[in-house]
Amino acid sequence: MKASLDVLPLISLAMFTTVVVALLTAAVTGLLSRLDGATVPRALLRAGAAFGSSILVVASLLTVITSAIK
């Protein structure tokens, strides 16, 4: 089934928003863990974990919403 041209910009905007939210989550997590006294490698690990988990959660929500639209 082809996606309509009206849906493609919305999906692109949702994907862009997902990446922005994930980057903000990672930055805040890294900053808070660094302020908590974690070393730089530990703060980067925590930021990476937060980035990956937020991408996973939002991408799964987008998948559910996209399948519901069809």
N, C-alpha and C. Protein backbone atom coordinates (compact mmCIF):
# COMPACT_ATOMS: atom_id res chain seq x y z
N MET A 1 0.83 -1.17 0.00
CA MET A 1 0.00 0.00 0.00
C MET A 1 0.89 1.24 0.00
N LYS A 2 0.68 2.13 -0.93
CA LYS A 2 1.48 3.34 -1.02
C LYS A 2 1.02 4.36 0.01
N ALA A 3 2.02 5.05 0.57
CA ALA A 3 1.69 6.12 1.51
C ALA A 3 1.27 7.35 0.72
N SER A 4 0.28 8.01 1.21
CA SER A 4 -0.18 9.19 0.52
C SER A 4 0.82 10.32 0.71
N LEU A 5 0.80 11.28 -0.17
CA LEU A 5 1.75 12.39 -0.09
C LEU A 5 1.47 13.29 1.10
N ASP A 6 0.28 13.22 1.66
CA ASP A 6 -0.03 14.02 2.84
C ASP A 6 0.60 13.44 4.10
N VAL A 7 0.82 12.13 4.12
CA VAL A 7 1.33 11.47 5.31
C VAL A 7 2.85 11.54 5.39
N LEU A 8 3.53 11.56 4.25
CA LEU A 8 4.99 11.54 4.25
C LEU A 8 5.62 12.72 4.98
N PRO A 9 5.16 13.95 4.80
CA PRO A 9 5.76 15.05 5.58
C PRO A 9 5.51 14.90 7.08
N LEU A 10 4.37 14.37 7.45
CA LEU A 10 4.10 14.16 8.87
C LEU A 10 5.02 13.11 9.48
N ILE A 11 5.28 12.05 8.73
CA ILE A 11 6.18 11.02 9.22
C ILE A 11 7.61 11.57 9.31
N SER A 12 8.01 12.37 8.32
CA SER A 12 9.34 12.97 8.36
C SER A 12 9.48 13.91 9.55
N LEU A 13 8.47 14.69 9.81
CA LEU A 13 8.48 15.59 10.95
C LEU A 13 8.53 14.81 12.26
N ALA A 14 7.81 13.72 12.32
CA ALA A 14 7.82 12.89 13.53
C ALA A 14 9.20 12.26 13.75
N MET A 15 9.85 11.83 12.68
CA MET A 15 11.19 11.26 12.80
C MET A 15 12.19 12.32 13.24
N PHE A 16 12.09 13.52 12.69
CA PHE A 16 12.99 14.61 13.09
C PHE A 16 12.77 14.96 14.56
N THR A 17 11.53 15.02 14.98
CA THR A 17 11.22 15.32 16.38
C THR A 17 11.75 14.23 17.29
N THR A 18 11.69 12.99 16.85
CA THR A 18 12.22 11.88 17.62
C THR A 18 13.71 12.04 17.88
N VAL A 19 14.44 12.38 16.84
CA VAL A 19 15.89 12.54 16.98
C VAL A 19 16.21 13.73 17.88
N VAL A 20 15.48 14.82 17.75
CA VAL A 20 15.73 16.00 18.59
C VAL A 20 15.45 15.68 20.06
N VAL A 21 14.34 15.00 20.32
CA VAL A 21 14.01 14.64 21.70
C VAL A 21 15.06 13.69 22.27
N ALA A 22 15.52 12.74 21.47
CA ALA A 22 16.54 11.80 21.94
C ALA A 22 17.86 12.51 22.23
N LEU A 23 18.24 13.46 21.38
CA LEU A 23 19.47 14.20 21.62
C LEU A 23 19.37 15.07 22.87
N LEU A 24 18.23 15.70 23.07
CA LEU A 24 18.04 16.50 24.28
C LEU A 24 18.07 15.62 25.53
N THR A 25 17.46 14.45 25.45
CA THR A 25 17.47 13.53 26.57
C THR A 25 18.89 13.09 26.90
N ALA A 26 19.67 12.78 25.87
CA ALA A 26 21.05 12.35 26.09
C ALA A 26 21.89 13.49 26.67
N ALA A 27 21.70 14.70 26.18
CA ALA A 27 22.48 15.83 26.68
C ALA A 27 22.16 16.11 28.15
N VAL A 28 20.90 16.09 28.50
CA VAL A 28 20.51 16.34 29.89
C VAL A 28 21.00 15.22 30.80
N THR A 29 20.90 13.98 30.34
CA THR A 29 21.37 12.86 31.15
C THR A 29 22.88 12.94 31.37
N GLY A 30 23.62 13.26 30.32
CA GLY A 30 25.07 13.40 30.46
C GLY A 30 25.44 14.54 31.40
N LEU A 31 24.75 15.66 31.28
CA LEU A 31 25.02 16.80 32.15
C LEU A 31 24.70 16.48 33.61
N LEU A 32 23.54 15.88 33.84
CA LEU A 32 23.17 15.56 35.22
C LEU A 32 24.09 14.51 35.84
N SER A 33 24.51 13.54 35.07
CA SER A 33 25.41 12.54 35.63
C SER A 33 26.80 13.13 35.87
N ARG A 34 27.21 14.07 35.02
CA ARG A 34 28.50 14.73 35.24
C ARG A 34 28.44 15.62 36.48
N LEU A 35 27.32 16.32 36.68
CA LEU A 35 27.15 17.13 37.88
C LEU A 35 27.07 16.28 39.14
N ASP A 36 26.64 15.04 38.97
CA ASP A 36 26.54 14.12 40.09
C ASP A 36 27.90 13.56 40.49
N GLY A 37 28.92 13.84 39.69
CA GLY A 37 30.27 13.40 40.03
C GLY A 37 30.78 12.23 39.21
N ALA A 38 30.07 11.84 38.19
CA ALA A 38 30.52 10.73 37.35
C ALA A 38 31.69 11.18 36.47
N THR A 39 32.55 10.25 36.13
CA THR A 39 33.64 10.57 35.22
C THR A 39 33.07 10.81 33.83
N VAL A 40 33.91 11.38 32.97
CA VAL A 40 33.44 11.68 31.61
C VAL A 40 33.04 10.41 30.86
N PRO A 41 33.84 9.32 30.88
CA PRO A 41 33.38 8.11 30.18
C PRO A 41 32.07 7.55 30.73
N ARG A 42 31.90 7.61 32.06
CA ARG A 42 30.66 7.11 32.65
C ARG A 42 29.47 7.98 32.24
N ALA A 43 29.69 9.31 32.21
CA ALA A 43 28.61 10.22 31.79
C ALA A 43 28.24 9.98 30.33
N LEU A 44 29.23 9.72 29.48
CA LEU A 44 28.95 9.42 28.08
C LEU A 44 28.20 8.10 27.92
N LEU A 45 28.55 7.12 28.74
CA LEU A 45 27.82 5.85 28.69
C LEU A 45 26.36 6.04 29.10
N ARG A 46 26.14 6.81 30.13
CA ARG A 46 24.76 7.07 30.56
C ARG A 46 23.99 7.85 29.51
N ALA A 47 24.65 8.83 28.89
CA ALA A 47 24.00 9.61 27.84
C ALA A 47 23.66 8.73 26.64
N GLY A 48 24.57 7.84 26.28
CA GLY A 48 24.32 6.92 25.16
C GLY A 48 23.17 5.97 25.45
N ALA A 49 23.11 5.50 26.68
CA ALA A 49 22.00 4.61 27.06
C ALA A 49 20.67 5.36 27.02
N ALA A 50 20.67 6.61 27.48
CA ALA A 50 19.45 7.40 27.45
C ALA A 50 19.03 7.69 26.01
N PHE A 51 20.00 7.98 25.14
CA PHE A 51 19.70 8.23 23.73
C PHE A 51 19.07 7.00 23.09
N GLY A 52 19.70 5.86 23.29
CA GLY A 52 19.19 4.63 22.69
C GLY A 52 17.81 4.24 23.19
N SER A 53 17.60 4.38 24.48
CA SER A 53 16.30 3.99 25.01
C SER A 53 15.20 4.96 24.59
N SER A 54 15.51 6.25 24.50
CA SER A 54 14.47 7.19 24.06
C SER A 54 14.16 7.01 22.58
N ILE A 55 15.16 6.71 21.76
CA ILE A 55 14.91 6.41 20.35
C ILE A 55 14.02 5.17 20.24
N LEU A 56 14.32 4.15 21.04
CA LEU A 56 13.54 2.91 20.99
C LEU A 56 12.09 3.16 21.37
N VAL A 57 11.86 3.89 22.44
CA VAL A 57 10.49 4.12 22.90
C VAL A 57 9.70 4.95 21.89
N VAL A 58 10.29 6.04 21.42
CA VAL A 58 9.55 6.91 20.50
C VAL A 58 9.37 6.23 19.14
N ALA A 59 10.35 5.47 18.69
CA ALA A 59 10.20 4.76 17.41
C ALA A 59 9.11 3.70 17.49
N SER A 60 9.01 3.02 18.63
CA SER A 60 7.93 2.03 18.75
C SER A 60 6.57 2.71 18.80
N LEU A 61 6.48 3.85 19.45
CA LEU A 61 5.22 4.60 19.44
C LEU A 61 4.85 5.06 18.03
N LEU A 62 5.84 5.53 17.29
CA LEU A 62 5.59 5.94 15.90
C LEU A 62 5.13 4.76 15.05
N THR A 63 5.70 3.60 15.30
CA THR A 63 5.29 2.40 14.56
C THR A 63 3.83 2.06 14.84
N VAL A 64 3.45 2.14 16.09
CA VAL A 64 2.06 1.85 16.46
C VAL A 64 1.11 2.86 15.83
N ILE A 65 1.48 4.15 15.90
CA ILE A 65 0.62 5.19 15.34
C ILE A 65 0.52 5.05 13.83
N THR A 66 1.65 4.76 13.18
CA THR A 66 1.65 4.62 11.71
C THR A 66 0.81 3.43 11.28
N SER A 67 0.90 2.33 12.01
CA SER A 67 0.09 1.17 11.64
C SER A 67 -1.39 1.42 11.92
N ALA A 68 -1.69 2.25 12.89
CA ALA A 68 -3.09 2.56 13.17
C ALA A 68 -3.68 3.47 12.09
N ILE A 69 -2.83 4.29 11.46
CA ILE A 69 -3.31 5.19 10.40
C ILE A 69 -3.73 4.40 9.16
N LYS A 70 -2.99 3.33 8.86
CA LYS A 70 -3.28 2.54 7.67
C LYS A 70 -4.61 1.97 7.80
